[in-house]
Amino acid sequence: MEGISEEKPCEENKLYEVVFCKETDSFVTATNNIQPGNVILIDNPIVLAPLPTKNDLLCVGCCKRLDETDCYCPKCGWPKCRNECQDVSTHNENECEILRLCPKKSGDSKFRYDILIILRCLLLQTSNKNKWAVLLNLLDRFNGGDRGNADYFKKVEEKKRFLEEVYLKPLRNYEAEIGKSILPQASSDIVEKVCGFLMLYVMEHSNIKLLYAKANLIEQNCVPNAIFVVDDEDDYKMTIKAVQPILKGEHITISYTDILLGTQQRKKYLKKLRNTLCRCSRCEDSTEFNSYLSAMICFGMEDEPCKGIQLSLNPTDETPVWLCNKCNIKLPNKEVTDFIRHLNKEVDKRLETKPNFEDLKDFLEKLELFLHPTHYLIIRVKYHLIQIYEISQTSRDLLKEKMKMCESLIEVFKKIDPGSTRLGLHLLTILSELYKAKTELLFQTFLPEDKDASFSLITEILQILKEANKIAEFQSQIHPQKNLLENVKNNKDMISKWLAENSFMFEID
C-alpha cells in the first residue's frame, strides 16, 4: 500500500507488527489470531518524567510526590526527595547542569515538567545512544501533525520557544566556556519534532509521563481489545495483554483514559494527553451502550417540570448539543460542561473528607436531583458508599438497599466492559460487598426449621463467588502481585463452613 511501511515483528514475538502510515496515524496490527490473556508485547520506556501538576511537587529523580516542601536538588534547585535521587539515571549530571542554567528558588511551585521530558529526550543522545537511535527512527517516521490543528501547533511552538530561550541558549554559552558539547543535536527542527511527537504519543501512569517505542503507537478505543499494565517495580516495563479475541490483521487497541468517565470527560482528557479524538462505537453512542454515564435530569421550563433525560445529540463534535428526550429542550455544551465541572469538584471535595455513611448518602440524594441514576459521578459516589455500610449493624432494609446498589453498579460496569477486564478490580470489590450483604441477610433470616426458604439466597451467594473467582483468575494474570484469588477463597471457606454447620449439601466450585 502506498505511503505505508511496516516494522516486522521480531522472531520471538510474531503476534504484532507496527504499521507506519503517511496518510493516517501509525497503528499496531495482529500478525496471528490472539486469545484473551495472551501477551502481545512487552515494552520499556524510552524516557519518563514527572507528570505536570498544578500544585504538587514531584521528585525530579524518582517522580514521587513530595510531602515536604524543602526537598530540592542543591545543584539545580528542582524538587528532589533525597540525596540519592541525583544518582538516578533519570536525573543525571548533564540534566542537572542544564537545569542549573535557569535555577529555581526553593518554594517555587512552577516547575515546567512538560519541558523536562522534552529535555530528557534530547539528552538521550549522550546518556543512551541506543534509545536515541530508537527515538530518531520514530521521529523520521512521524508525519508531524496529521492530528495537528491551530491549538496543537501553538502549544508546540510555545514549548519549543521556551526550551530554546530558557535552556538551550544559555547551554550554548556554557558549552563554549567548558569547551565541551552536552547536546550535539538540538537544532530547531529536532526540538520541534520532539515537542510535536510527545504531544501526540505520550502516556500517563500515576505521577509519570512515559514514552515507549511501540506501546504508544497502539490506537485508542474506549472498548479496547487489549489492556496495558505498567510494572512500577521493574523500571515501568509495560505489558500489553489481549482481553478479547483478536483476529489476524485486526488493529490492536487500548484505552488511554478512564472508561468510567463520561464521553465528554474522556474526550477532554484525550485531547489534552494526545491531541486526539476517539470515535469508537461507545463515543459515537449518546447513551454509551445504555449506561447513561453522561446523562442529566432535565428540569424543563420554569413553570413546567420535565424530569426527562438530557443527552448529547452529537457526542464526538467539538461543541455537542444536549437534547431532552421528553420536552426537546436544548442546552449548549458550555452550560453543561460548566455544571458538570462544578459537580465534579463537589464530589472530589466530599470524598476527600472521608464522610460517614449518612453524610455520603445525603450527598448522593442531592446529586440524584440533577444527574441520571447511572451518571458517572453518581457511580463514583455509590462505589464509595457500598464500602462504608456497617454490615454487622445493618437492618434488613439497608442490606437490601446495599444489594440493590451493588447490582446496579455491576449492571453498568458490564455494559461498558462486557468482559469484566478493564474494570475487573472494581467488579471484585463490588462482588465482595454484595457477598457480604447477602451472607449477612442469610444469617439474619435463616430458620433451621425452614431451611428450604434459604435455598434461593444461598444459590445467589454461590453464583457471586463463582463469578468473582472467574474474574479473579483473569485479573491475577494481569496483577500477579495482588492476592485476588486468596480473597475469593476466604469467602468460599467462610460460606462452606456455615453450610456444613447447618447441614446444607451444596457443591461449591
Protein backbone atom coordinates (compact mmCIF):
# COMPACT_ATOMS: atom_id res chain seq x y z
CA MET A 1 0.00 0.00 0.00
CA GLU A 2 1.41 3.37 -0.98
CA GLY A 3 2.60 5.51 1.91
CA ILE A 4 2.87 2.62 4.36
CA SER A 5 5.97 0.93 5.73
CA GLU A 6 5.86 -1.99 8.11
CA GLU A 7 8.08 -2.82 11.04
CA LYS A 8 8.36 -6.61 11.06
CA PRO A 9 7.86 -8.29 14.42
CA CYS A 10 10.92 -9.90 15.95
CA GLU A 11 11.29 -13.68 15.70
CA GLU A 12 10.43 -14.35 19.32
CA ASN A 13 7.13 -12.46 19.11
CA LYS A 14 5.06 -12.68 15.96
CA LEU A 15 1.79 -11.51 17.45
CA TYR A 16 2.01 -7.91 16.24
CA GLU A 17 3.52 -5.51 13.76
CA VAL A 18 3.77 -1.73 13.81
CA VAL A 19 2.47 -0.03 10.68
CA PHE A 20 3.62 3.49 9.88
CA CYS A 21 1.32 5.37 7.51
CA LYS A 22 1.89 8.79 5.97
CA GLU A 23 -1.82 9.46 5.44
CA THR A 24 -3.06 8.43 8.92
CA ASP A 25 -1.73 7.74 12.39
CA SER A 26 0.55 4.79 12.92
CA PHE A 27 -1.08 1.68 14.35
CA VAL A 28 -0.37 -1.87 15.51
CA THR A 29 -1.99 -4.95 13.97
CA ALA A 30 -2.16 -8.63 14.92
CA THR A 31 0.00 -10.95 12.81
CA ASN A 32 -1.80 -14.04 14.19
CA ASN A 33 -5.05 -14.79 15.94
CA ILE A 34 -4.68 -13.72 19.58
CA GLN A 35 -6.62 -15.15 22.51
CA PRO A 36 -7.63 -13.31 25.70
CA GLY A 37 -4.79 -13.39 28.20
CA ASN A 38 -2.07 -13.66 25.55
CA VAL A 39 0.86 -11.27 26.00
CA ILE A 40 1.02 -9.23 22.78
CA LEU A 41 4.14 -7.21 23.51
CA ILE A 42 6.39 -6.03 26.31
CA ASP A 43 7.90 -2.56 26.06
CA ASN A 44 10.30 -0.48 28.13
CA PRO A 45 10.08 3.32 28.28
CA ILE A 46 12.43 5.36 26.13
CA VAL A 47 12.08 8.24 28.54
CA LEU A 48 9.98 9.28 31.52
CA ALA A 49 9.45 12.40 33.60
CA PRO A 50 7.18 13.69 36.38
CA LEU A 51 3.64 14.48 35.27
CA PRO A 52 2.92 18.24 35.28
CA THR A 53 0.63 19.21 38.14
CA LYS A 54 -0.89 22.45 39.37
CA ASN A 55 0.23 22.32 42.97
CA ASP A 56 2.12 19.12 43.77
CA LEU A 57 5.88 18.96 43.78
CA LEU A 58 7.26 15.76 42.25
CA CYS A 59 10.79 14.45 42.68
CA VAL A 60 12.88 15.10 39.58
CA GLY A 61 14.60 11.77 40.13
CA CYS A 62 12.03 9.13 41.12
CA CYS A 63 8.89 11.15 40.20
CA LYS A 64 7.22 10.52 43.56
CA ARG A 65 5.02 13.14 45.16
CA LEU A 66 6.82 15.12 47.86
CA ASP A 67 5.23 15.69 51.24
CA GLU A 68 7.91 18.09 52.43
CA THR A 69 8.34 21.47 50.79
CA ASP A 70 12.05 21.89 51.46
CA CYS A 71 13.40 18.99 49.33
CA TYR A 72 15.36 20.41 46.42
CA CYS A 73 18.42 19.43 44.45
CA PRO A 74 21.29 21.55 45.80
CA LYS A 75 22.70 21.97 42.26
CA CYS A 76 19.73 22.75 40.01
CA GLY A 77 17.06 23.70 42.56
CA TRP A 78 14.42 21.26 41.24
CA PRO A 79 12.36 19.15 43.68
CA LYS A 80 14.18 16.03 44.85
CA CYS A 81 13.10 13.72 47.63
CA ARG A 82 16.53 12.60 48.84
CA ASN A 83 20.21 12.92 48.02
CA GLU A 84 20.39 9.54 46.30
CA CYS A 85 17.89 10.68 43.68
CA GLN A 86 20.52 12.79 41.97
CA ASP A 87 22.21 9.50 41.06
CA VAL A 88 19.11 8.01 39.49
CA SER A 89 19.61 7.77 35.73
CA THR A 90 16.56 9.92 35.04
CA HIS A 91 18.23 12.93 36.67
CA ASN A 92 21.84 12.70 35.55
CA GLU A 93 24.72 15.15 35.73
CA ASN A 94 24.15 16.70 32.30
CA GLU A 95 20.47 17.29 33.02
CA CYS A 96 21.31 18.85 36.35
CA GLU A 97 23.82 21.19 34.67
CA ILE A 98 21.26 22.34 32.10
CA LEU A 99 18.51 22.88 34.69
CA ARG A 100 21.01 24.83 36.79
CA LEU A 101 21.28 27.38 33.98
CA CYS A 102 17.80 28.52 34.90
CA PRO A 103 17.72 27.89 38.67
CA LYS A 104 14.52 27.74 40.65
CA LYS A 105 14.21 29.10 44.16
CA SER A 106 13.06 26.83 46.98
CA GLY A 107 9.30 27.11 47.30
CA ASP A 108 8.76 27.93 43.63
CA SER A 109 5.79 25.77 42.54
CA LYS A 110 6.13 26.49 38.82
CA PHE A 111 8.38 23.75 37.51
CA ARG A 112 7.97 23.01 33.82
CA TYR A 113 7.82 19.23 33.95
CA ASP A 114 6.34 19.31 30.44
CA ILE A 115 9.62 20.85 29.25
CA LEU A 116 11.69 18.43 31.32
CA ILE A 117 10.50 15.39 29.33
CA ILE A 118 11.50 17.12 26.07
CA LEU A 119 14.92 17.86 27.50
CA ARG A 120 15.29 14.24 28.58
CA CYS A 121 14.52 13.08 25.05
CA LEU A 122 17.30 15.32 23.72
CA LEU A 123 19.72 14.15 26.41
CA LEU A 124 19.37 10.54 25.22
CA GLN A 125 21.97 11.32 22.55
CA THR A 126 24.62 11.35 25.28
CA SER A 127 23.04 9.26 28.05
CA ASN A 128 21.69 6.33 26.00
CA LYS A 129 22.65 6.17 22.33
CA ASN A 130 20.51 3.08 21.67
CA LYS A 131 17.35 4.80 22.91
CA TRP A 132 18.33 7.94 20.99
CA ALA A 133 18.52 5.86 17.81
CA VAL A 134 15.04 4.43 18.51
CA LEU A 135 13.66 7.92 19.08
CA LEU A 136 15.26 9.26 15.89
CA ASN A 137 13.68 6.38 13.97
CA LEU A 138 10.26 7.30 15.36
CA LEU A 139 10.80 10.98 14.57
CA ASP A 140 11.81 10.14 11.00
CA ARG A 141 8.52 8.30 10.51
CA PHE A 142 6.50 10.94 12.36
CA ASN A 143 4.26 12.82 9.93
CA GLY A 144 4.41 15.88 12.14
CA GLY A 145 0.83 16.77 12.75
CA ASP A 146 -1.83 14.83 10.87
CA ARG A 147 -3.76 15.40 14.07
CA GLY A 148 -2.41 18.89 14.24
CA ASN A 149 -4.59 21.99 14.49
CA ALA A 150 -4.03 25.61 15.35
CA ASP A 151 -4.08 24.91 19.08
CA TYR A 152 -1.67 21.97 18.70
CA PHE A 153 0.86 23.97 16.65
CA LYS A 154 0.57 26.90 19.05
CA LYS A 155 1.46 24.65 22.00
CA VAL A 156 4.33 23.01 20.12
CA GLU A 157 5.73 26.43 19.25
CA GLU A 158 5.40 27.64 22.87
CA LYS A 159 7.27 24.64 24.25
CA LYS A 160 9.98 24.88 21.61
CA ARG A 161 10.47 28.60 22.17
CA PHE A 162 10.58 28.20 25.96
CA LEU A 163 13.15 25.41 25.77
CA GLU A 164 15.35 27.31 23.32
CA GLU A 165 15.20 30.65 25.12
CA VAL A 166 15.42 29.45 28.72
CA TYR A 167 17.75 26.46 28.44
CA LEU A 168 19.35 25.93 25.04
CA LYS A 169 20.71 29.45 24.51
CA PRO A 170 22.38 29.55 27.94
CA LEU A 171 23.59 26.00 27.28
CA ARG A 172 25.43 27.07 24.11
CA ASN A 173 27.24 29.76 26.09
CA TYR A 174 28.08 27.25 28.80
CA GLU A 175 29.35 24.71 26.25
CA ALA A 176 31.62 27.40 24.78
CA GLU A 177 33.02 28.13 28.26
CA ILE A 178 33.84 24.50 29.10
CA GLY A 179 34.82 23.53 25.55
CA LYS A 180 32.51 20.52 25.58
CA SER A 181 29.27 19.73 23.74
CA ILE A 182 26.49 18.44 26.03
CA LEU A 183 23.73 18.40 23.39
CA PRO A 184 25.32 17.92 19.94
CA GLN A 185 21.94 17.64 18.17
CA ALA A 186 19.45 20.24 19.32
CA SER A 187 18.50 22.10 16.16
CA SER A 188 15.22 23.95 15.98
CA ASP A 189 13.86 21.24 13.68
CA ILE A 190 14.69 18.39 16.06
CA VAL A 191 13.33 20.26 19.08
CA GLU A 192 10.09 20.96 17.21
CA LYS A 193 9.72 17.31 16.17
CA VAL A 194 10.30 16.07 19.70
CA CYS A 195 7.76 18.55 21.09
CA GLY A 196 5.17 17.58 18.48
CA PHE A 197 5.75 13.84 18.86
CA LEU A 198 5.40 13.94 22.65
CA MET A 199 2.13 15.86 22.38
CA LEU A 200 0.65 13.04 20.29
CA TYR A 201 2.19 9.87 21.65
CA VAL A 202 2.99 10.22 25.35
CA MET A 203 1.28 8.11 28.03
CA GLU A 204 0.44 8.82 31.67
CA HIS A 205 0.74 6.50 34.64
CA SER A 206 0.37 7.57 38.24
CA ASN A 207 2.61 10.68 38.63
CA ILE A 208 4.61 9.98 35.48
CA LYS A 209 4.64 10.73 31.77
CA LEU A 210 6.17 7.94 29.71
CA LEU A 211 7.24 7.48 26.11
CA TYR A 212 7.51 3.94 24.74
CA ALA A 213 8.83 2.74 21.40
CA LYS A 214 5.81 0.65 20.38
CA ALA A 215 3.11 0.73 23.05
CA ASN A 216 2.49 4.44 22.45
CA LEU A 217 1.56 3.71 18.84
CA ILE A 218 -1.38 1.45 19.72
CA GLU A 219 -4.74 3.03 18.87
CA GLN A 220 -7.15 4.46 21.40
CA ASN A 221 -10.56 2.80 21.87
CA CYS A 222 -12.96 3.04 24.81
CA VAL A 223 -13.94 -0.58 24.12
CA PRO A 224 -10.40 -1.92 23.72
CA ASN A 225 -9.38 -5.43 22.77
CA ALA A 226 -6.21 -5.21 24.89
CA ILE A 227 -5.10 -3.84 28.23
CA PHE A 228 -1.78 -2.41 29.40
CA VAL A 229 -0.13 -2.96 32.76
CA VAL A 230 2.83 -0.88 33.98
CA ASP A 231 5.21 -2.52 36.45
CA ASP A 232 6.40 0.21 38.82
CA GLU A 233 8.96 -2.17 40.34
CA ASP A 234 10.61 -3.06 37.02
CA ASP A 235 11.55 0.34 35.56
CA TYR A 236 7.97 0.91 34.35
CA LYS A 237 8.04 -2.01 31.93
CA MET A 238 4.72 -2.16 30.08
CA THR A 239 2.95 -5.39 29.17
CA ILE A 240 0.14 -5.38 26.61
CA LYS A 241 -2.30 -8.29 27.02
CA ALA A 242 -5.32 -9.24 24.94
CA VAL A 243 -8.69 -9.07 26.72
CA GLN A 244 -10.78 -10.10 23.72
CA PRO A 245 -10.15 -12.47 20.79
CA ILE A 246 -8.20 -10.52 18.14
CA LEU A 247 -8.16 -11.87 14.59
CA LYS A 248 -5.10 -11.75 12.37
CA GLY A 249 -4.97 -8.36 10.64
CA GLU A 250 -7.17 -6.57 13.18
CA HIS A 251 -5.93 -3.39 14.83
CA ILE A 252 -4.85 -3.78 18.45
CA THR A 253 -6.46 -1.15 20.69
CA ILE A 254 -6.13 0.03 24.28
CA SER A 255 -7.78 2.81 26.26
CA TYR A 256 -5.55 5.66 27.41
CA THR A 257 -8.34 7.11 29.50
CA ASP A 258 -10.55 6.04 32.41
CA ILE A 259 -13.52 4.21 30.87
CA LEU A 260 -15.62 5.05 33.95
CA LEU A 261 -15.72 8.69 32.84
CA GLY A 262 -18.45 10.12 30.64
CA THR A 263 -17.77 10.76 26.96
CA GLN A 264 -17.11 14.50 27.25
CA GLN A 265 -14.66 13.95 30.12
CA ARG A 266 -12.82 11.19 28.22
CA LYS A 267 -12.75 13.41 25.17
CA LYS A 268 -11.26 16.30 27.12
CA TYR A 269 -8.57 14.09 28.69
CA LEU A 270 -7.55 12.55 25.34
CA LYS A 271 -7.39 16.00 23.74
CA LYS A 272 -5.02 17.18 26.45
CA LEU A 273 -2.95 13.98 26.55
CA ARG A 274 -2.57 13.10 22.87
CA ASN A 275 -4.43 15.76 20.89
CA THR A 276 -6.74 13.03 19.61
CA LEU A 277 -10.46 12.39 19.33
CA CYS A 278 -11.82 8.90 19.89
CA ARG A 279 -14.58 7.85 17.50
CA CYS A 280 -15.17 4.36 18.84
CA SER A 281 -18.64 2.83 19.00
CA ARG A 282 -19.13 3.95 22.59
CA CYS A 283 -18.08 7.55 21.96
CA GLU A 284 -20.46 7.77 18.99
CA ASP A 285 -23.37 6.49 21.12
CA SER A 286 -25.15 9.17 23.17
CA THR A 287 -26.31 6.57 25.70
CA GLU A 288 -22.85 4.92 25.91
CA PHE A 289 -24.30 1.42 25.41
CA ASN A 290 -27.36 2.30 27.50
CA SER A 291 -25.18 3.01 30.52
CA TYR A 292 -26.21 6.71 30.56
CA LEU A 293 -22.91 7.66 32.19
CA SER A 294 -23.21 11.21 30.86
CA ALA A 295 -26.98 11.71 31.15
CA MET A 296 -28.53 14.50 33.21
CA ILE A 297 -32.04 15.14 34.52
CA CYS A 298 -33.98 17.77 32.56
CA PHE A 299 -35.81 20.41 34.60
CA GLY A 300 -37.80 21.71 31.65
CA MET A 301 -39.16 25.24 31.74
CA GLU A 302 -39.50 27.23 34.94
CA ASP A 303 -43.24 26.53 35.23
CA GLU A 304 -43.19 23.09 33.53
CA PRO A 305 -41.11 20.45 35.35
CA CYS A 306 -39.92 17.75 32.97
CA LYS A 307 -37.60 15.15 34.57
CA GLY A 308 -36.68 13.75 31.17
CA ILE A 309 -33.17 12.64 30.21
CA GLN A 310 -30.75 15.18 28.78
CA LEU A 311 -28.28 13.59 26.34
CA SER A 312 -25.71 14.83 23.85
CA LEU A 313 -27.01 14.69 20.28
CA ASN A 314 -23.58 14.52 18.68
CA PRO A 315 -21.11 13.46 21.40
CA THR A 316 -17.94 13.47 19.27
CA ASP A 317 -18.49 17.00 17.96
CA GLU A 318 -16.31 19.70 19.48
CA THR A 319 -19.38 21.52 20.83
CA PRO A 320 -22.23 19.00 21.03
CA VAL A 321 -25.82 20.00 21.66
CA TRP A 322 -27.70 18.46 24.59
CA LEU A 323 -31.34 17.49 23.98
CA CYS A 324 -34.05 16.26 26.36
CA ASN A 325 -35.77 13.05 25.24
CA LYS A 326 -39.07 14.26 26.65
CA CYS A 327 -39.56 18.00 26.20
CA ASN A 328 -36.96 18.64 23.44
CA ILE A 329 -35.28 21.48 25.34
CA LYS A 330 -31.73 22.03 24.07
CA LEU A 331 -28.75 23.08 26.17
CA PRO A 332 -25.44 24.46 24.89
CA ASN A 333 -22.39 22.34 25.64
CA LYS A 334 -20.63 25.06 27.65
CA GLU A 335 -23.53 25.27 30.09
CA VAL A 336 -23.50 21.51 30.61
CA THR A 337 -19.69 21.34 30.84
CA ASP A 338 -19.52 24.12 33.43
CA PHE A 339 -22.24 22.48 35.52
CA ILE A 340 -20.61 19.03 35.46
CA ARG A 341 -17.22 20.57 36.28
CA HIS A 342 -18.80 22.21 39.33
CA LEU A 343 -20.40 18.94 40.47
CA ASN A 344 -17.16 17.08 39.87
CA LYS A 345 -15.34 19.45 42.22
CA GLU A 346 -18.08 18.98 44.81
CA VAL A 347 -17.72 15.19 44.59
CA ASP A 348 -13.94 15.47 44.90
CA LYS A 349 -14.23 17.68 47.98
CA ARG A 350 -16.82 15.46 49.62
CA LEU A 351 -14.90 12.22 49.10
CA GLU A 352 -11.64 13.81 50.31
CA THR A 353 -13.29 14.43 53.69
CA LYS A 354 -13.95 10.67 54.06
CA PRO A 355 -17.61 11.21 55.00
CA ASN A 356 -19.59 8.78 57.13
CA PHE A 357 -22.43 6.71 55.71
CA GLU A 358 -25.27 9.14 56.47
CA ASP A 359 -23.45 12.20 55.11
CA LEU A 360 -22.49 10.47 51.88
CA LYS A 361 -25.99 9.08 51.43
CA ASP A 362 -27.47 12.57 51.84
CA PHE A 363 -24.97 13.92 49.32
CA LEU A 364 -25.91 11.18 46.85
CA GLU A 365 -29.60 12.05 47.13
CA LYS A 366 -28.81 15.67 46.26
CA LEU A 367 -26.78 14.63 43.22
CA GLU A 368 -29.65 12.45 42.01
CA LEU A 369 -31.81 15.56 41.68
CA PHE A 370 -29.60 16.69 38.79
CA LEU A 371 -27.99 13.58 37.34
CA HIS A 372 -29.21 10.31 35.87
CA PRO A 373 -29.05 7.43 38.43
CA THR A 374 -26.12 5.94 36.49
CA HIS A 375 -24.25 9.15 35.67
CA TYR A 376 -20.53 8.60 36.18
CA LEU A 377 -20.44 10.94 39.21
CA ILE A 378 -23.33 9.03 40.79
CA ILE A 379 -21.50 5.76 40.06
CA ARG A 380 -18.38 7.11 41.72
CA VAL A 381 -20.26 8.08 44.90
CA LYS A 382 -22.17 4.79 45.02
CA TYR A 383 -18.93 2.84 44.67
CA HIS A 384 -17.61 4.56 47.80
CA LEU A 385 -20.94 4.29 49.62
CA ILE A 386 -21.27 0.50 49.31
CA GLN A 387 -17.92 0.12 51.03
CA ILE A 388 -18.86 2.04 54.19
CA TYR A 389 -22.07 0.24 55.15
CA GLU A 390 -21.61 -1.27 58.61
CA ILE A 391 -22.77 -4.78 57.72
CA SER A 392 -22.93 -6.19 61.25
CA GLN A 393 -25.21 -3.37 62.41
CA THR A 394 -27.28 -3.02 59.25
CA SER A 395 -31.03 -3.54 59.18
CA ARG A 396 -32.59 -5.81 56.57
CA ASP A 397 -33.90 -2.81 54.68
CA LEU A 398 -30.42 -1.28 54.48
CA LEU A 399 -28.95 -4.63 53.45
CA LYS A 400 -31.44 -4.85 50.59
CA GLU A 401 -30.66 -1.24 49.68
CA LYS A 402 -26.95 -2.03 49.54
CA MET A 403 -27.61 -5.17 47.48
CA LYS A 404 -29.68 -3.18 45.00
CA MET A 405 -26.94 -0.55 44.73
CA CYS A 406 -24.27 -3.21 44.14
CA GLU A 407 -26.37 -4.92 41.48
CA SER A 408 -27.00 -1.62 39.67
CA LEU A 409 -23.25 -0.90 39.65
CA ILE A 410 -22.49 -4.36 38.27
CA GLU A 411 -25.07 -3.86 35.51
CA VAL A 412 -23.49 -0.57 34.42
CA PHE A 413 -19.94 -1.91 34.57
CA LYS A 414 -20.84 -4.87 32.37
CA LYS A 415 -22.37 -2.59 29.76
CA ILE A 416 -19.17 -0.61 29.26
CA ASP A 417 -16.79 -3.52 29.98
CA PRO A 418 -18.57 -6.69 28.80
CA GLY A 419 -15.62 -8.97 29.52
CA SER A 420 -15.01 -7.53 33.00
CA THR A 421 -11.37 -6.93 32.06
CA ARG A 422 -10.70 -3.20 32.37
CA LEU A 423 -12.96 -2.87 35.43
CA GLY A 424 -12.21 -6.29 36.88
CA LEU A 425 -10.68 -4.97 40.11
CA HIS A 426 -13.64 -2.65 40.67
CA LEU A 427 -16.05 -5.51 39.99
CA LEU A 428 -14.29 -7.74 42.50
CA THR A 429 -14.78 -5.03 45.13
CA ILE A 430 -18.48 -4.72 44.30
CA LEU A 431 -19.00 -8.51 44.23
CA SER A 432 -17.25 -8.76 47.60
CA GLU A 433 -19.58 -6.13 49.06
CA LEU A 434 -22.59 -7.86 47.51
CA TYR A 435 -21.41 -11.16 49.00
CA LYS A 436 -21.12 -9.56 52.46
CA ALA A 437 -24.62 -8.10 52.24
CA LYS A 438 -26.24 -11.31 51.03
CA THR A 439 -24.48 -13.53 53.58
CA GLU A 440 -25.47 -11.16 56.39
CA LEU A 441 -29.06 -11.25 55.15
CA LEU A 442 -28.83 -15.05 55.07
CA PHE A 443 -27.57 -15.17 58.66
CA GLN A 444 -30.35 -12.82 59.80
CA THR A 445 -33.19 -14.62 58.05
CA PHE A 446 -32.14 -18.28 58.33
CA LEU A 447 -34.51 -20.56 60.27
CA PRO A 448 -33.32 -24.13 60.94
CA GLU A 449 -36.90 -25.37 60.81
CA ASP A 450 -37.43 -23.83 57.36
CA LYS A 451 -34.16 -24.44 55.53
CA ASP A 452 -35.80 -24.51 52.11
CA ALA A 453 -36.60 -20.79 52.40
CA SER A 454 -32.86 -20.03 52.28
CA PHE A 455 -32.05 -22.08 49.16
CA SER A 456 -32.60 -19.21 46.71
CA LEU A 457 -30.37 -16.79 48.65
CA ILE A 458 -27.64 -19.43 49.07
CA THR A 459 -27.71 -20.10 45.32
CA GLU A 460 -27.27 -16.37 44.65
CA ILE A 461 -24.31 -16.21 47.06
CA LEU A 462 -22.59 -19.17 45.39
CA GLN A 463 -23.16 -17.59 41.97
CA ILE A 464 -21.46 -14.39 43.20
CA LEU A 465 -18.45 -16.44 44.35
CA LYS A 466 -18.30 -18.28 41.02
CA GLU A 467 -18.30 -15.00 39.07
CA ALA A 468 -15.75 -13.44 41.43
CA ASN A 469 -13.47 -16.46 41.05
CA LYS A 470 -13.61 -16.23 37.24
CA ILE A 471 -12.74 -12.52 37.28
CA ALA A 472 -10.01 -13.02 39.89
CA GLU A 473 -8.38 -15.77 37.80
CA PHE A 474 -8.07 -13.44 34.81
CA GLN A 475 -7.07 -10.39 36.85
CA SER A 476 -4.39 -12.44 38.64
CA GLN A 477 -2.66 -12.87 35.29
CA ILE A 478 -2.61 -9.09 34.89
CA HIS A 479 -1.92 -8.19 38.52
CA PRO A 480 0.04 -11.17 39.92
CA GLN A 481 1.14 -9.17 42.95
CA LYS A 482 -2.43 -8.90 44.28
CA ASN A 483 -3.96 -11.70 46.39
CA LEU A 484 -7.18 -11.71 44.39
CA LEU A 485 -7.85 -15.45 44.39
CA GLU A 486 -7.00 -15.70 48.08
CA ASN A 487 -9.70 -13.16 48.93
CA VAL A 488 -12.28 -15.15 46.96
CA LYS A 489 -11.09 -18.38 48.62
CA ASN A 490 -11.54 -16.86 52.08
CA ASN A 491 -15.15 -16.02 51.24
CA LYS A 492 -15.68 -19.54 49.89
CA ASP A 493 -14.25 -21.08 53.05
CA MET A 494 -16.49 -18.96 55.25
CA ILE A 495 -19.73 -19.86 53.48
CA SER A 496 -18.65 -23.53 53.15
CA LYS A 497 -18.14 -23.75 56.90
CA TRP A 498 -21.56 -22.20 57.59
CA LEU A 499 -23.29 -24.52 55.10
CA ALA A 500 -21.64 -27.56 56.68
CA GLU A 501 -22.60 -26.44 60.18
CA ASN A 502 -26.21 -26.14 59.08
CA SER A 503 -26.24 -29.44 57.16
CA PHE A 504 -26.64 -27.98 53.67
CA MET A 505 -25.44 -30.12 50.75
CA PHE A 506 -24.24 -27.50 48.23
CA GLU A 507 -21.34 -28.09 45.87
CA ILE A 508 -19.02 -25.07 45.64
CA ASP A 509 -16.84 -24.71 42.54
